[in-house]
Amino acid sequence: ARRESVGVAADTDIDPHDAATVLAKALVDRAPHLDRDVQLRQELVNVRQAFAMRLGAAHNQLDDLAEKVHNRDARIKQRDDKLAKRDARIADMHARLKDTELELKVTKKELKKALAAPPPPAPE
């Protein structure tokens, strides 16, 4: 009866330990589960595909974020450069202002001296 379930006629003399017979028996025994195995494998393929798509989307988001960070860093550096130039101009103006103040003090002293000095003799 078992030989018939394997697809071999009952009157055929087969070795029950023959590799092909063992394989055929295993396939027959496994037949009810094959559909479930195929279904599980298909689900696994679907899960892998969905995971690959999500992973690809995550990589794209990371690339976008990295680009945004790079652009922001470039803008910050540009702003820092502008501020450094402005600070240099302010420092230069401050130095010139100090020089001008010093010149004014000297001029003021000279003016006070000139005003305090006796007037030059009038020409006769």
Foldseek 3Di string as FASTA:
>chain_A
DLCVLLVHDPPDDDDCPPPVNVVSSVCSVCVVVPVVVVVVVVVVVVVVVVVVVVVVVVVVVVVVVVVVVVVVVVVVVVVVVVVVVVVVVVVVVVVVVVVVVVVVVVVVVVVVVVVPDDDDDDDD
